[in-house]
Amino acid sequence: MSLKKIAIIPARSGSKGLPNKNILMLLDRPLIAYTIEAAINSDVFDRVVVSTDSLEYKSIAEKYGAEVIMRPEALSSDSATSFMVIEDVLNKCKGYHYFVLLQPTSPFRNYKHVMSAVEQFEYADNAKFLVSVVESNKSSALIKPIDDSLSLRNFNCDFSNYRRQNRKEYYPNGAIFIGYVADYLRRKHFFGEGSIAY
């Protein structure tokens, strides 16, 4: 049985750090175009959907072949979580076994990465979630918080031991998140038991 899957591309217009970052030009195309093209060209989805609050984003997304779901105003603020946006799309688009979240801010993730992640997810035993990760170039043993006084008193790093550590560490790179719909709506995040790395 083929599993029905939907690509969800979240694209809010109100970014404070870099205004309209999702449609800024990167070479010859808006940033979001790379993610839409990766989803469509992977040829693994029953539906590719952009969730946005902007008519300008809607026009651009449709130009590159995505379907658009306009999100309600409540999901257009800084306080709206990824879960709330994903839940909104899944409530409007029923009947999918799982979804793949593809953020526009990962333009170097291409259709081959999407195909490979989907294949890994579908063939993994007991996987409910998949998150793309990248190897860290710094050990977490070297990362400590600094308080308002800027004191380094908590930096009790043993650099000699750090250099001998062979354990590789990874962190999510934001490019690909996959989850079974029912499991995600229950858990509300991608991590923990049943989650695998890509």
Protein backbone atom coordinates (compact mmCIF):
# COMPACT_ATOMS: atom_id res chain seq x y z
CA MET A 1 0.00 0.00 0.00
CA SER A 2 1.34 3.41 -0.96
CA LEU A 3 1.34 5.91 1.88
CA LYS A 4 -0.31 9.25 1.09
CA LYS A 5 1.94 12.18 1.89
CA ILE A 6 1.76 15.94 1.79
CA ALA A 7 4.58 18.49 1.68
CA ILE A 8 4.00 21.49 3.93
CA ILE A 9 6.03 24.64 3.25
CA PRO A 10 5.47 27.35 5.90
CA ALA A 11 6.06 30.90 4.65
CA ARG A 12 5.02 33.74 6.93
CA SER A 13 5.62 37.24 5.58
CA GLY A 14 6.28 39.07 8.84
CA SER A 15 9.87 38.11 9.61
CA LYS A 16 11.41 40.71 11.90
CA GLY A 17 15.06 39.67 11.55
CA LEU A 18 15.17 39.71 7.76
CA PRO A 19 11.96 41.19 6.32
CA ASN A 20 10.34 39.06 3.61
CA LYS A 21 13.22 36.58 3.81
CA ASN A 22 11.15 33.80 2.21
CA ILE A 23 10.86 35.68 -1.08
CA LEU A 24 14.24 37.40 -1.22
CA MET A 25 16.05 36.69 -4.47
CA LEU A 26 18.76 34.02 -4.40
CA LEU A 27 20.47 34.06 -7.79
CA ASP A 28 17.55 34.07 -10.24
CA ARG A 29 14.64 32.94 -8.02
CA PRO A 30 12.87 33.84 -4.79
CA LEU A 31 14.12 31.79 -1.83
CA ILE A 32 10.85 29.87 -1.49
CA ALA A 33 11.06 28.69 -5.12
CA TYR A 34 13.96 26.35 -4.30
CA THR A 35 11.89 24.50 -1.70
CA ILE A 36 8.79 24.31 -3.89
CA GLU A 37 10.88 22.94 -6.77
CA ALA A 38 12.59 20.40 -4.49
CA ALA A 39 9.20 19.14 -3.31
CA ILE A 40 7.64 18.97 -6.77
CA ASN A 41 10.71 17.51 -8.50
CA SER A 42 11.06 14.78 -5.87
CA ASP A 43 7.84 13.35 -7.33
CA VAL A 44 6.95 11.69 -4.01
CA PHE A 45 4.06 13.88 -2.83
CA ASP A 46 0.34 13.68 -3.44
CA ARG A 47 0.16 17.40 -2.66
CA VAL A 48 2.60 20.30 -2.18
CA VAL A 49 1.14 23.07 -0.02
CA VAL A 50 2.47 26.47 1.03
CA SER A 51 0.93 27.95 4.18
CA THR A 52 1.15 31.74 4.15
CA ASP A 53 -0.50 34.94 5.31
CA SER A 54 0.56 36.98 2.27
CA LEU A 55 -1.13 37.43 -1.10
CA GLU A 56 2.27 38.29 -2.58
CA TYR A 57 3.71 35.00 -1.26
CA LYS A 58 0.61 33.20 -2.57
CA SER A 59 1.18 34.55 -6.07
CA ILE A 60 4.86 33.55 -6.05
CA ALA A 61 4.14 30.07 -4.65
CA GLU A 62 1.47 29.41 -7.26
CA LYS A 63 3.79 30.61 -10.02
CA TYR A 64 6.25 27.87 -9.02
CA GLY A 65 3.54 25.19 -8.88
CA ALA A 66 2.51 24.93 -5.24
CA GLU A 67 -1.01 24.93 -3.88
CA VAL A 68 -1.55 27.67 -1.28
CA ILE A 69 -3.50 27.64 1.96
CA MET A 70 -4.00 31.07 3.47
CA ARG A 71 -3.46 30.89 7.20
CA PRO A 72 -5.66 32.76 9.66
CA GLU A 73 -4.40 35.99 11.21
CA ALA A 74 -3.85 34.23 14.55
CA LEU A 75 -1.17 32.09 12.87
CA SER A 76 0.63 35.06 11.32
CA SER A 77 2.27 36.45 14.45
CA ASP A 78 5.64 35.78 16.06
CA SER A 79 3.87 33.79 18.76
CA ALA A 80 2.43 31.23 16.32
CA THR A 81 4.30 27.95 16.68
CA SER A 82 5.26 25.51 13.94
CA PHE A 83 2.86 23.02 15.51
CA MET A 84 -0.05 25.45 15.16
CA VAL A 85 0.74 26.07 11.49
CA ILE A 86 1.17 22.35 10.71
CA GLU A 87 -2.03 21.52 12.61
CA ASP A 88 -3.92 24.15 10.60
CA VAL A 89 -2.79 22.63 7.29
CA LEU A 90 -3.49 19.05 8.43
CA ASN A 91 -6.98 20.03 9.59
CA LYS A 92 -7.67 21.53 6.15
CA CYS A 93 -6.01 18.70 4.20
CA LYS A 94 -7.33 15.39 5.49
CA GLY A 95 -6.51 11.83 4.50
CA TYR A 96 -2.70 11.80 4.56
CA HIS A 97 -0.65 9.17 6.35
CA TYR A 98 2.30 11.48 6.91
CA PHE A 99 3.64 14.91 6.08
CA VAL A 100 7.02 16.41 5.25
CA LEU A 101 7.80 19.90 6.54
CA LEU A 102 10.17 21.77 4.22
CA GLN A 103 11.25 25.22 5.38
CA PRO A 104 12.06 27.81 2.70
CA THR A 105 15.20 28.83 4.61
CA SER A 106 16.98 25.63 3.47
CA PRO A 107 17.42 26.32 -0.26
CA PHE A 108 20.31 23.89 -0.70
CA ARG A 109 18.14 20.91 0.23
CA ASN A 110 17.24 19.54 -3.20
CA TYR A 111 14.79 17.00 -4.60
CA LYS A 112 17.29 14.14 -4.16
CA HIS A 113 17.55 14.88 -0.43
CA VAL A 114 13.75 14.86 -0.18
CA MET A 115 13.48 11.56 -2.06
CA SER A 116 16.21 9.98 0.06
CA ALA A 117 14.68 11.15 3.36
CA VAL A 118 11.23 9.89 2.37
CA GLU A 119 12.68 6.51 1.35
CA GLN A 120 14.65 6.22 4.60
CA PHE A 121 11.55 7.10 6.62
CA GLU A 122 9.27 4.63 4.85
CA TYR A 123 11.74 1.75 5.15
CA ALA A 124 12.81 2.39 8.75
CA ASP A 125 11.41 -0.01 11.33
CA ASN A 126 9.08 1.68 13.82
CA ALA A 127 9.98 5.24 12.78
CA LYS A 128 7.28 7.79 13.50
CA PHE A 129 9.39 10.88 12.83
CA LEU A 130 12.50 11.84 10.86
CA VAL A 131 14.63 14.96 11.31
CA SER A 132 17.52 16.02 9.08
CA VAL A 133 20.68 16.69 11.07
CA VAL A 134 24.24 17.86 10.49
CA GLU A 135 27.39 17.00 12.40
CA SER A 136 28.44 19.72 14.83
CA ASN A 137 31.92 21.16 14.47
CA LYS A 138 31.97 22.06 18.18
CA SER A 139 31.54 19.74 21.14
CA SER A 140 28.65 20.53 23.46
CA ALA A 141 31.24 20.22 26.27
CA LEU A 142 32.53 23.63 25.12
CA ILE A 143 29.13 25.34 25.10
CA LYS A 144 28.09 27.07 28.32
CA PRO A 145 25.60 29.82 29.17
CA ILE A 146 26.78 33.33 30.08
CA ASP A 147 24.74 35.40 32.51
CA ASP A 148 24.12 39.16 32.40
CA SER A 149 27.44 39.87 34.15
CA LEU A 150 29.30 38.23 31.23
CA SER A 151 31.30 36.15 33.72
CA LEU A 152 33.00 32.98 32.50
CA ARG A 153 32.95 31.38 35.96
CA ASN A 154 30.83 28.47 34.64
CA PHE A 155 33.37 27.65 31.93
CA ASN A 156 35.04 24.67 33.57
CA CYS A 157 35.95 23.07 30.26
CA ASP A 158 38.54 20.30 30.25
CA PHE A 159 40.07 20.94 26.84
CA SER A 160 42.47 18.01 27.11
CA ASN A 161 39.55 15.62 27.57
CA TYR A 162 37.54 17.36 24.82
CA ARG A 163 40.23 16.71 22.25
CA ARG A 164 40.25 13.00 23.11
CA GLN A 165 36.50 12.57 22.69
CA ASN A 166 35.55 10.54 19.64
CA ARG A 167 31.81 10.95 20.05
CA LYS A 168 30.21 12.76 17.14
CA GLU A 169 27.42 15.19 17.95
CA TYR A 170 24.64 16.39 15.68
CA TYR A 171 22.00 19.08 15.59
CA PRO A 172 18.87 19.59 13.44
CA ASN A 173 19.66 21.60 10.31
CA GLY A 174 16.05 22.65 9.63
CA ALA A 175 15.91 21.20 6.11
CA ILE A 176 13.55 18.21 6.47
CA PHE A 177 11.08 17.11 9.15
CA ILE A 178 8.77 14.12 8.64
CA GLY A 179 6.00 12.83 10.86
CA TYR A 180 3.00 10.53 10.77
CA VAL A 181 -0.04 12.76 11.08
CA ALA A 182 -1.69 11.02 14.05
CA ASP A 183 1.57 10.74 15.99
CA TYR A 184 2.52 14.37 15.37
CA LEU A 185 -0.88 15.74 16.36
CA ARG A 186 -0.62 13.74 19.57
CA ARG A 187 3.03 14.56 20.39
CA LYS A 188 3.24 18.08 18.90
CA HIS A 189 6.96 17.81 18.07
CA PHE A 190 9.36 15.60 16.08
CA PHE A 191 11.80 14.39 18.73
CA GLY A 192 12.07 11.51 21.18
CA GLU A 193 11.04 7.87 20.93
CA GLY A 194 10.45 6.75 17.36
CA SER A 195 12.36 9.68 15.84
CA ILE A 196 15.27 8.96 13.49
CA ALA A 197 18.02 11.11 11.99
CA TYR A 198 18.55 11.75 8.30
